[in-house]
Each structure stands twice: as C-alpha cells, then as structure tokens.
C-alpha cells in the first residue's frame, strides 16, 4: 500500500475512518465514564479502599469506611474491567480493519452495532441489572464483530 493511500484511508475524508473515529470515540467516552461511575458508587455507599479517602469523605459530611469490597462498587469495577478487556482490542483491530478499505455500509453497521452492544452490556451489567443471558448476548455481539474484523484483516494481509 502506497503511503498516500495509507494516509487517505486514515483521514476524516474517508467515511469509513470517520465512522470508526466517531463510534470508537463514543466507546472511549463510555469506558472513561465507568471510572466515574465506580467513584459515584463508592461515594453513594460510603465505601473507600484508602483511609485518606474516608477522612476526605467525612470532611464533606459523608460517612465512610475503608472496605475492600462492596457489591455495587465491585459490579461497576468488573464492568469497567470488561470494557478494558474488550474495547481496547476492538479499537486496535478496528484501526487495522479501516486499512483494508471495507465497504462503507458494512463498516458503519459493524461500528454502530459493536458500540451499541457495549453500551447495552454496561446497562444490563452495572446500571439496571438484568438477568442472563442479556449480558452474555451483548458481550457476544461485540466479541463476534471484533473477531470478524480481525479475521478480515488477517485475510486481507495474507493476500497482499
């Protein structure tokens, strides 16, 4: 691939890259929100993992205690960890996928569905807990899209 072609594929003038950048940024924002979400649960439940945080909470009128575990905090942390385990590989593989110059319709559909699946995963896992298989299905959709894009990159690369 010529350098000019590479640069064109990774520019906002390429609608596939533009779509990936948009939906990927939504995922990054969602992932960043999870640390805030975990912190909100810590404050709401008066749970900290560090003694200095208890002192700070008490200074602003929140009763707190140092505890290693809390069901709400743990659930939010697991959801955040799941994001880190799944969104990072998706962003890397998605970047490579853009370089295969896929069809706009297919790429946009994959990016949109993957993002919506991750958002649903967070809602059914950490915000409004819904019994399985809701979490499994939303995780699986995102996972299969990431796997599909990875396979497409391997096939494209192998044939070059």
N, C-alpha and C. Protein backbone atom coordinates (compact mmCIF):
# COMPACT_ATOMS: atom_id res chain seq x y z
N UNK A 1 0.85 -1.18 0.00
CA UNK A 1 0.00 0.00 0.00
C UNK A 1 0.90 1.23 0.00
N UNK A 2 0.65 2.12 -0.91
CA UNK A 2 1.42 3.35 -1.01
C UNK A 2 1.12 4.24 0.20
N UNK A 3 2.10 5.04 0.60
CA UNK A 3 1.94 5.91 1.76
C UNK A 3 0.75 6.85 1.58
N UNK A 4 0.57 7.35 0.36
CA UNK A 4 -0.55 8.26 0.09
C UNK A 4 -1.87 7.55 0.34
N UNK A 5 -1.98 6.32 -0.11
CA UNK A 5 -3.21 5.54 0.10
C UNK A 5 -3.45 5.31 1.58
N UNK A 6 -2.39 4.99 2.32
CA UNK A 6 -2.46 4.78 3.76
C UNK A 6 -2.99 6.03 4.45
N UNK A 7 -2.43 7.17 4.10
CA UNK A 7 -2.83 8.44 4.69
C UNK A 7 -4.28 8.75 4.35
N UNK A 8 -4.69 8.47 3.11
CA UNK A 8 -6.09 8.72 2.72
C UNK A 8 -7.06 7.84 3.50
N UNK A 9 -6.68 6.58 3.74
CA UNK A 9 -7.57 5.69 4.49
C UNK A 9 -7.72 6.13 5.93
N UNK A 10 -6.68 6.70 6.50
CA UNK A 10 -6.72 7.14 7.90
C UNK A 10 -6.92 8.65 8.01
N UNK A 11 -7.84 9.16 7.22
CA UNK A 11 -8.18 10.58 7.30
C UNK A 11 -9.69 10.73 7.38
N UNK A 12 -10.10 11.87 7.89
CA UNK A 12 -11.54 12.11 8.03
C UNK A 12 -12.23 12.31 6.68
N UNK A 13 -11.47 12.38 5.61
CA UNK A 13 -12.10 12.42 4.29
C UNK A 13 -12.55 11.02 3.88
N UNK A 14 -12.06 9.98 4.54
CA UNK A 14 -12.50 8.61 4.31
C UNK A 14 -13.71 8.37 5.23
N UNK A 15 -14.90 8.16 4.67
CA UNK A 15 -16.08 7.98 5.51
C UNK A 15 -16.01 6.75 6.42
N UNK A 16 -15.26 5.72 6.04
CA UNK A 16 -15.10 4.55 6.91
C UNK A 16 -14.31 4.94 8.15
N UNK A 17 -13.19 5.65 7.94
CA UNK A 17 -12.40 6.10 9.09
C UNK A 17 -13.19 7.06 9.96
N UNK A 18 -13.90 7.97 9.33
CA UNK A 18 -14.70 8.95 10.07
C UNK A 18 -15.74 8.24 10.95
N UNK A 19 -16.39 7.23 10.39
CA UNK A 19 -17.37 6.46 11.16
C UNK A 19 -16.69 5.72 12.31
N UNK A 20 -15.55 5.09 12.02
CA UNK A 20 -14.82 4.38 13.08
C UNK A 20 -14.39 5.34 14.18
N UNK A 21 -13.89 6.51 13.80
CA UNK A 21 -13.44 7.50 14.78
C UNK A 21 -14.62 7.96 15.65
N UNK A 22 -15.77 8.18 15.03
CA UNK A 22 -16.94 8.61 15.78
C UNK A 22 -17.37 7.54 16.79
N UNK A 23 -17.64 6.34 16.29
CA UNK A 23 -18.14 5.26 17.17
C UNK A 23 -17.07 4.80 18.15
N UNK A 24 -15.81 4.80 17.75
CA UNK A 24 -14.73 4.45 18.67
C UNK A 24 -14.60 5.46 19.79
N UNK A 25 -14.79 6.73 19.47
CA UNK A 25 -14.73 7.77 20.49
C UNK A 25 -15.88 7.64 21.48
N UNK A 26 -17.04 7.26 20.99
CA UNK A 26 -18.18 7.00 21.89
C UNK A 26 -17.79 5.90 22.88
N UNK A 27 -17.15 4.85 22.39
CA UNK A 27 -16.72 3.76 23.28
C UNK A 27 -15.68 4.23 24.29
N UNK A 28 -14.75 5.06 23.86
CA UNK A 28 -13.74 5.58 24.78
C UNK A 28 -14.41 6.43 25.87
N UNK A 29 -15.34 7.28 25.48
CA UNK A 29 -16.07 8.10 26.45
C UNK A 29 -16.82 7.21 27.43
N UNK A 30 -17.47 6.17 26.91
CA UNK A 30 -18.21 5.24 27.76
C UNK A 30 -17.27 4.56 28.75
N UNK A 31 -16.11 4.14 28.26
CA UNK A 31 -15.12 3.48 29.12
C UNK A 31 -14.61 4.45 30.19
N UNK A 32 -14.33 5.68 29.82
CA UNK A 32 -13.90 6.68 30.79
C UNK A 32 -14.98 6.94 31.83
N UNK A 33 -16.22 6.94 31.40
CA UNK A 33 -17.34 7.16 32.32
C UNK A 33 -17.38 6.09 33.40
N UNK A 34 -16.91 4.89 33.09
CA UNK A 34 -17.00 3.79 34.05
C UNK A 34 -16.19 4.07 35.32
N UNK A 35 -15.07 4.77 35.22
CA UNK A 35 -14.32 5.09 36.44
C UNK A 35 -15.10 6.11 37.28
N UNK A 36 -15.77 7.05 36.61
CA UNK A 36 -16.63 8.00 37.33
C UNK A 36 -17.80 7.26 37.97
N UNK A 37 -18.37 6.35 37.23
CA UNK A 37 -19.49 5.55 37.72
C UNK A 37 -19.08 4.76 38.97
N UNK A 38 -17.91 4.16 38.94
CA UNK A 38 -17.41 3.42 40.10
C UNK A 38 -17.23 4.36 41.28
N UNK A 39 -16.66 5.53 41.03
CA UNK A 39 -16.49 6.52 42.09
C UNK A 39 -17.81 6.96 42.69
N UNK A 40 -18.82 7.14 41.85
CA UNK A 40 -20.14 7.53 42.36
C UNK A 40 -20.71 6.46 43.28
N UNK A 41 -20.54 5.20 42.91
CA UNK A 41 -20.99 4.12 43.79
C UNK A 41 -20.21 4.13 45.10
N UNK A 42 -18.91 4.42 45.04
CA UNK A 42 -18.12 4.49 46.27
C UNK A 42 -18.68 5.56 47.20
N UNK A 43 -18.94 6.76 46.64
CA UNK A 43 -19.46 7.86 47.46
C UNK A 43 -20.86 7.55 47.97
N UNK A 44 -21.70 7.04 47.10
CA UNK A 44 -23.09 6.73 47.49
C UNK A 44 -23.15 5.72 48.62
N UNK A 45 -22.28 4.71 48.55
CA UNK A 45 -22.29 3.65 49.55
C UNK A 45 -21.31 3.89 50.69
N UNK A 46 -20.59 5.03 50.63
CA UNK A 46 -19.65 5.35 51.70
C UNK A 46 -18.52 4.35 51.81
N UNK A 47 -18.04 3.87 50.68
CA UNK A 47 -17.01 2.84 50.66
C UNK A 47 -15.76 3.39 49.98
N UNK A 48 -14.64 3.25 50.65
CA UNK A 48 -13.37 3.63 50.05
C UNK A 48 -12.38 2.48 50.23
N UNK A 49 -11.36 2.49 49.43
CA UNK A 49 -10.32 1.47 49.59
C UNK A 49 -9.09 2.05 50.26
N UNK A 50 -9.11 3.35 50.57
CA UNK A 50 -7.97 4.01 51.18
C UNK A 50 -8.41 4.83 52.39
N UNK A 51 -7.68 4.76 53.50
CA UNK A 51 -8.06 5.51 54.71
C UNK A 51 -8.15 7.03 54.48
N UNK A 52 -7.25 7.58 53.65
CA UNK A 52 -7.29 9.03 53.43
C UNK A 52 -8.58 9.46 52.73
N UNK A 53 -9.18 8.55 51.96
CA UNK A 53 -10.45 8.87 51.30
C UNK A 53 -11.59 8.95 52.31
N UNK A 54 -11.52 8.14 53.36
CA UNK A 54 -12.53 8.19 54.42
C UNK A 54 -12.49 9.55 55.10
N UNK A 55 -11.29 10.00 55.42
CA UNK A 55 -11.15 11.32 56.07
C UNK A 55 -11.70 12.43 55.18
N UNK A 56 -11.43 12.37 53.88
CA UNK A 56 -11.93 13.39 52.97
C UNK A 56 -13.46 13.34 52.91
N UNK A 57 -14.02 12.14 52.83
CA UNK A 57 -15.47 12.00 52.78
C UNK A 57 -16.12 12.56 54.03
N UNK A 58 -15.53 12.26 55.18
CA UNK A 58 -16.10 12.75 56.44
C UNK A 58 -16.03 14.26 56.54
N UNK A 59 -15.00 14.88 55.94
CA UNK A 59 -14.90 16.35 55.95
C UNK A 59 -16.04 17.01 55.20
N UNK A 60 -16.60 16.32 54.21
CA UNK A 60 -17.71 16.93 53.46
C UNK A 60 -19.06 16.33 53.87
N UNK A 61 -19.07 15.62 55.01
CA UNK A 61 -20.32 15.16 55.59
C UNK A 61 -20.81 13.80 55.13
N UNK A 62 -19.94 12.99 54.52
CA UNK A 62 -20.34 11.66 54.08
C UNK A 62 -19.70 10.64 55.01
N UNK A 63 -20.52 9.81 55.61
CA UNK A 63 -19.99 8.75 56.45
C UNK A 63 -19.33 7.72 55.55
N UNK A 64 -18.11 7.38 55.87
CA UNK A 64 -17.39 6.43 55.02
C UNK A 64 -16.65 5.40 55.85
N UNK A 65 -16.25 4.35 55.18
CA UNK A 65 -15.44 3.33 55.82
C UNK A 65 -14.54 2.71 54.76
N UNK A 66 -13.41 2.22 55.24
CA UNK A 66 -12.49 1.55 54.34
C UNK A 66 -12.91 0.09 54.25
N UNK A 67 -13.28 -0.31 53.05
CA UNK A 67 -13.66 -1.70 52.81
C UNK A 67 -13.05 -2.11 51.48
N UNK A 68 -12.66 -3.34 51.40
CA UNK A 68 -12.10 -3.84 50.15
C UNK A 68 -13.19 -4.19 49.15
N UNK A 69 -14.37 -4.56 49.64
CA UNK A 69 -15.42 -4.99 48.72
C UNK A 69 -16.75 -4.32 49.07
N UNK A 70 -17.53 -4.13 48.05
CA UNK A 70 -18.91 -3.66 48.14
C UNK A 70 -19.59 -4.17 46.88
N UNK A 71 -20.77 -4.77 46.98
CA UNK A 71 -21.38 -5.38 45.79
C UNK A 71 -21.56 -4.40 44.62
N UNK A 72 -22.03 -3.19 44.89
CA UNK A 72 -22.25 -2.22 43.81
C UNK A 72 -20.92 -1.77 43.20
N UNK A 73 -19.97 -1.44 44.06
CA UNK A 73 -18.66 -0.99 43.58
C UNK A 73 -17.97 -2.10 42.80
N UNK A 74 -18.04 -3.31 43.33
CA UNK A 74 -17.41 -4.44 42.65
C UNK A 74 -18.03 -4.70 41.28
N UNK A 75 -19.33 -4.58 41.18
CA UNK A 75 -20.01 -4.78 39.90
C UNK A 75 -19.58 -3.71 38.90
N UNK A 76 -19.51 -2.46 39.33
CA UNK A 76 -19.07 -1.37 38.45
C UNK A 76 -17.62 -1.59 38.02
N UNK A 77 -16.79 -2.01 38.94
CA UNK A 77 -15.37 -2.26 38.60
C UNK A 77 -15.24 -3.42 37.61
N UNK A 78 -16.05 -4.47 37.80
CA UNK A 78 -16.00 -5.59 36.85
C UNK A 78 -16.48 -5.16 35.47
N UNK A 79 -17.50 -4.33 35.42
CA UNK A 79 -17.98 -3.82 34.13
C UNK A 79 -16.90 -2.98 33.45
N UNK A 80 -16.19 -2.17 34.24
CA UNK A 80 -15.11 -1.34 33.70
C UNK A 80 -13.98 -2.22 33.20
N UNK A 81 -13.61 -3.23 33.97
CA UNK A 81 -12.56 -4.15 33.55
C UNK A 81 -12.97 -4.87 32.26
N UNK A 82 -14.23 -5.26 32.16
CA UNK A 82 -14.72 -5.91 30.95
C UNK A 82 -14.59 -4.97 29.76
N UNK A 83 -14.89 -3.69 29.96
CA UNK A 83 -14.69 -2.70 28.90
C UNK A 83 -13.23 -2.66 28.45
N UNK A 84 -12.33 -2.59 29.42
CA UNK A 84 -10.91 -2.51 29.08
C UNK A 84 -10.45 -3.75 28.34
N UNK A 85 -10.97 -4.91 28.72
CA UNK A 85 -10.59 -6.16 28.07
C UNK A 85 -11.15 -6.28 26.65
N UNK A 86 -12.23 -5.58 26.36
CA UNK A 86 -12.89 -5.75 25.07
C UNK A 86 -12.78 -4.53 24.15
N UNK A 87 -12.83 -3.34 24.70
CA UNK A 87 -12.80 -2.14 23.86
C UNK A 87 -11.40 -1.90 23.29
N UNK A 88 -10.37 -2.11 24.08
CA UNK A 88 -9.01 -1.88 23.57
C UNK A 88 -8.70 -2.77 22.37
N UNK A 89 -8.92 -4.09 22.44
CA UNK A 89 -8.68 -4.91 21.24
C UNK A 89 -9.55 -4.49 20.06
N UNK A 90 -10.80 -4.11 20.34
CA UNK A 90 -11.70 -3.65 19.28
C UNK A 90 -11.13 -2.42 18.57
N UNK A 91 -10.62 -1.46 19.35
CA UNK A 91 -10.07 -0.24 18.74
C UNK A 91 -8.83 -0.54 17.91
N UNK A 92 -8.00 -1.43 18.38
CA UNK A 92 -6.80 -1.78 17.62
C UNK A 92 -7.18 -2.51 16.32
N UNK A 93 -8.01 -3.53 16.45
CA UNK A 93 -8.42 -4.30 15.26
C UNK A 93 -9.25 -3.43 14.32
N UNK A 94 -10.09 -2.58 14.87
CA UNK A 94 -10.88 -1.68 14.03
C UNK A 94 -10.01 -0.75 13.21
N UNK A 95 -8.92 -0.29 13.80
CA UNK A 95 -7.98 0.56 13.06
C UNK A 95 -7.37 -0.19 11.88
N UNK A 96 -6.98 -1.45 12.13
CA UNK A 96 -6.45 -2.27 11.04
C UNK A 96 -7.53 -2.54 10.00
N UNK A 97 -8.75 -2.77 10.46
CA UNK A 97 -9.87 -3.06 9.56
C UNK A 97 -10.11 -1.89 8.61
N UNK A 98 -10.02 -0.68 9.10
CA UNK A 98 -10.18 0.51 8.25
C UNK A 98 -9.17 0.48 7.12
N UNK A 99 -7.96 -0.01 7.39
CA UNK A 99 -6.91 -0.06 6.38
C UNK A 99 -7.17 -1.09 5.29
N UNK A 100 -8.14 -1.99 5.50
CA UNK A 100 -8.50 -2.95 4.45
C UNK A 100 -9.44 -2.32 3.42
N UNK A 101 -9.84 -1.09 3.67
CA UNK A 101 -10.75 -0.37 2.79
C UNK A 101 -12.07 -1.14 2.58
N UNK A 102 -12.76 -1.45 3.69
CA UNK A 102 -14.02 -2.21 3.59
C UNK A 102 -15.13 -1.34 3.01
N UNK A 103 -16.24 -1.98 2.67
CA UNK A 103 -17.37 -1.20 2.16
C UNK A 103 -17.91 -0.33 3.29
N UNK A 104 -18.34 0.87 2.93
CA UNK A 104 -18.83 1.82 3.92
C UNK A 104 -20.03 1.27 4.68
N UNK A 105 -20.98 0.68 3.98
CA UNK A 105 -22.18 0.17 4.64
C UNK A 105 -21.87 -0.90 5.67
N UNK A 106 -21.04 -1.85 5.30
CA UNK A 106 -20.67 -2.92 6.23
C UNK A 106 -19.92 -2.37 7.42
N UNK A 107 -18.94 -1.52 7.16
CA UNK A 107 -18.12 -0.97 8.24
C UNK A 107 -18.97 -0.15 9.21
N UNK A 108 -19.82 0.73 8.69
CA UNK A 108 -20.66 1.55 9.56
C UNK A 108 -21.57 0.67 10.41
N UNK A 109 -22.14 -0.35 9.81
CA UNK A 109 -23.02 -1.26 10.56
C UNK A 109 -22.24 -1.95 11.68
N UNK A 110 -21.06 -2.45 11.37
CA UNK A 110 -20.24 -3.11 12.39
C UNK A 110 -19.89 -2.16 13.53
N UNK A 111 -19.47 -0.95 13.20
CA UNK A 111 -19.07 0.02 14.23
C UNK A 111 -20.25 0.41 15.11
N UNK A 112 -21.41 0.66 14.49
CA UNK A 112 -22.59 1.05 15.24
C UNK A 112 -23.07 -0.06 16.16
N UNK A 113 -23.21 -1.26 15.61
CA UNK A 113 -23.73 -2.38 16.39
C UNK A 113 -22.77 -2.73 17.53
N UNK A 114 -21.47 -2.71 17.27
CA UNK A 114 -20.49 -3.00 18.32
C UNK A 114 -20.60 -2.00 19.46
N UNK A 115 -20.73 -0.73 19.12
CA UNK A 115 -20.83 0.31 20.15
C UNK A 115 -22.12 0.16 20.94
N UNK A 116 -23.21 -0.04 20.26
CA UNK A 116 -24.49 -0.20 20.95
C UNK A 116 -24.47 -1.44 21.85
N UNK A 117 -23.84 -2.52 21.38
CA UNK A 117 -23.74 -3.74 22.19
C UNK A 117 -22.96 -3.47 23.48
N UNK A 118 -21.87 -2.70 23.40
CA UNK A 118 -21.10 -2.41 24.61
C UNK A 118 -21.88 -1.52 25.57
N UNK A 119 -22.64 -0.58 25.03
CA UNK A 119 -23.46 0.28 25.89
C UNK A 119 -24.54 -0.56 26.58
N UNK A 120 -25.17 -1.43 25.83
CA UNK A 120 -26.17 -2.33 26.42
C UNK A 120 -25.52 -3.20 27.49
N UNK A 121 -24.33 -3.71 27.20
CA UNK A 121 -23.63 -4.54 28.18
C UNK A 121 -23.47 -3.80 29.51
N UNK A 122 -23.07 -2.55 29.45
CA UNK A 122 -22.90 -1.76 30.68
C UNK A 122 -24.22 -1.58 31.40
N UNK A 123 -25.27 -1.28 30.66
CA UNK A 123 -26.57 -1.08 31.30
C UNK A 123 -27.06 -2.35 31.99
N UNK A 124 -26.98 -3.48 31.32
CA UNK A 124 -27.52 -4.71 31.91
C UNK A 124 -26.59 -5.32 32.94
N UNK A 125 -25.33 -4.88 32.97
CA UNK A 125 -24.38 -5.43 33.93
C UNK A 125 -24.26 -4.55 35.17
N UNK A 126 -24.19 -3.24 34.99
CA UNK A 126 -23.82 -2.38 36.10
C UNK A 126 -24.86 -1.33 36.49
N UNK A 127 -25.80 -1.02 35.63
CA UNK A 127 -26.73 0.07 35.94
C UNK A 127 -28.11 -0.46 36.28
N UNK A 128 -28.74 -1.14 35.35
CA UNK A 128 -30.03 -1.79 35.58
C UNK A 128 -29.82 -3.27 35.37
N UNK A 129 -29.43 -3.96 36.43
CA UNK A 129 -29.02 -5.35 36.31
C UNK A 129 -30.18 -6.19 35.81
N UNK A 130 -29.96 -6.82 34.67
CA UNK A 130 -30.95 -7.70 34.04
C UNK A 130 -30.33 -9.09 34.00
N UNK A 131 -31.10 -10.11 34.34
CA UNK A 131 -30.53 -11.47 34.38
C UNK A 131 -29.96 -11.91 33.04
N UNK A 132 -29.08 -12.89 33.13
CA UNK A 132 -28.53 -13.51 31.92
C UNK A 132 -29.66 -14.11 31.11
N UNK A 133 -29.58 -14.19 29.83
CA UNK A 133 -28.38 -14.05 29.00
C UNK A 133 -28.18 -12.65 28.43
N UNK A 134 -28.81 -11.63 28.99
CA UNK A 134 -28.68 -10.28 28.42
C UNK A 134 -27.23 -9.82 28.33
N UNK A 135 -26.49 -10.01 29.41
CA UNK A 135 -25.09 -9.59 29.42
C UNK A 135 -24.28 -10.42 28.44
N UNK A 136 -24.50 -11.71 28.44
CA UNK A 136 -23.78 -12.60 27.53
C UNK A 136 -24.04 -12.23 26.08
N UNK A 137 -25.29 -11.98 25.73
CA UNK A 137 -25.63 -11.67 24.34
C UNK A 137 -24.99 -10.35 23.89
N UNK A 138 -25.05 -9.34 24.74
CA UNK A 138 -24.46 -8.05 24.35
C UNK A 138 -22.93 -8.16 24.25
N UNK A 139 -22.33 -8.91 25.16
CA UNK A 139 -20.88 -9.14 25.07
C UNK A 139 -20.54 -9.92 23.79
N UNK A 140 -21.33 -10.94 23.51
CA UNK A 140 -21.06 -11.81 22.36
C UNK A 140 -21.15 -11.05 21.05
N UNK A 141 -22.11 -10.16 20.92
CA UNK A 141 -22.25 -9.37 19.69
C UNK A 141 -20.97 -8.58 19.44
N UNK A 142 -20.50 -7.87 20.47
CA UNK A 142 -19.28 -7.07 20.33
C UNK A 142 -18.08 -7.97 20.05
N UNK A 143 -17.98 -9.06 20.75
CA UNK A 143 -16.88 -10.01 20.58
C UNK A 143 -16.83 -10.55 19.15
N UNK A 144 -17.99 -10.96 18.63
CA UNK A 144 -18.03 -11.54 17.29
C UNK A 144 -17.69 -10.50 16.22
N UNK A 145 -18.10 -9.27 16.43
CA UNK A 145 -17.74 -8.20 15.49
C UNK A 145 -16.23 -7.98 15.51
N UNK A 146 -15.64 -7.95 16.69
CA UNK A 146 -14.19 -7.78 16.79
C UNK A 146 -13.48 -8.95 16.12
N UNK A 147 -13.95 -10.15 16.36
CA UNK A 147 -13.37 -11.34 15.75
C UNK A 147 -13.50 -11.30 14.23
N UNK A 148 -14.68 -10.92 13.74
CA UNK A 148 -14.90 -10.81 12.29
C UNK A 148 -13.90 -9.83 11.67
N UNK A 149 -13.76 -8.65 12.29
CA UNK A 149 -12.84 -7.66 11.74
C UNK A 149 -11.40 -8.19 11.77
N UNK A 150 -11.03 -8.89 12.83
CA UNK A 150 -9.68 -9.44 12.92
C UNK A 150 -9.43 -10.47 11.81
N UNK A 151 -10.41 -11.32 11.57
CA UNK A 151 -10.28 -12.32 10.50
C UNK A 151 -10.18 -11.62 9.15
N UNK A 152 -10.96 -10.59 8.93
CA UNK A 152 -10.89 -9.85 7.67
C UNK A 152 -9.51 -9.21 7.48
N UNK A 153 -8.92 -8.71 8.55
CA UNK A 153 -7.59 -8.13 8.48
C UNK A 153 -6.57 -9.21 8.14
N UNK A 154 -6.68 -10.37 8.78
CA UNK A 154 -5.75 -11.47 8.51
C UNK A 154 -5.86 -11.91 7.05
N UNK A 155 -7.08 -12.07 6.56
CA UNK A 155 -7.28 -12.49 5.16
C UNK A 155 -6.72 -11.43 4.21
N UNK A 156 -7.03 -10.17 4.48
CA UNK A 156 -6.53 -9.09 3.63
C UNK A 156 -5.01 -9.06 3.64
N UNK A 157 -4.42 -9.17 4.82
CA UNK A 157 -2.96 -9.11 4.95
C UNK A 157 -2.30 -10.30 4.27
N UNK A 158 -2.88 -11.46 4.42
CA UNK A 158 -2.32 -12.67 3.84
C UNK A 158 -2.31 -12.61 2.31
N UNK A 159 -3.34 -12.00 1.75
CA UNK A 159 -3.46 -11.93 0.29
C UNK A 159 -2.62 -10.79 -0.31
N UNK A 160 -1.97 -10.01 0.49
CA UNK A 160 -1.14 -8.91 -0.04
C UNK A 160 0.25 -9.34 -0.32
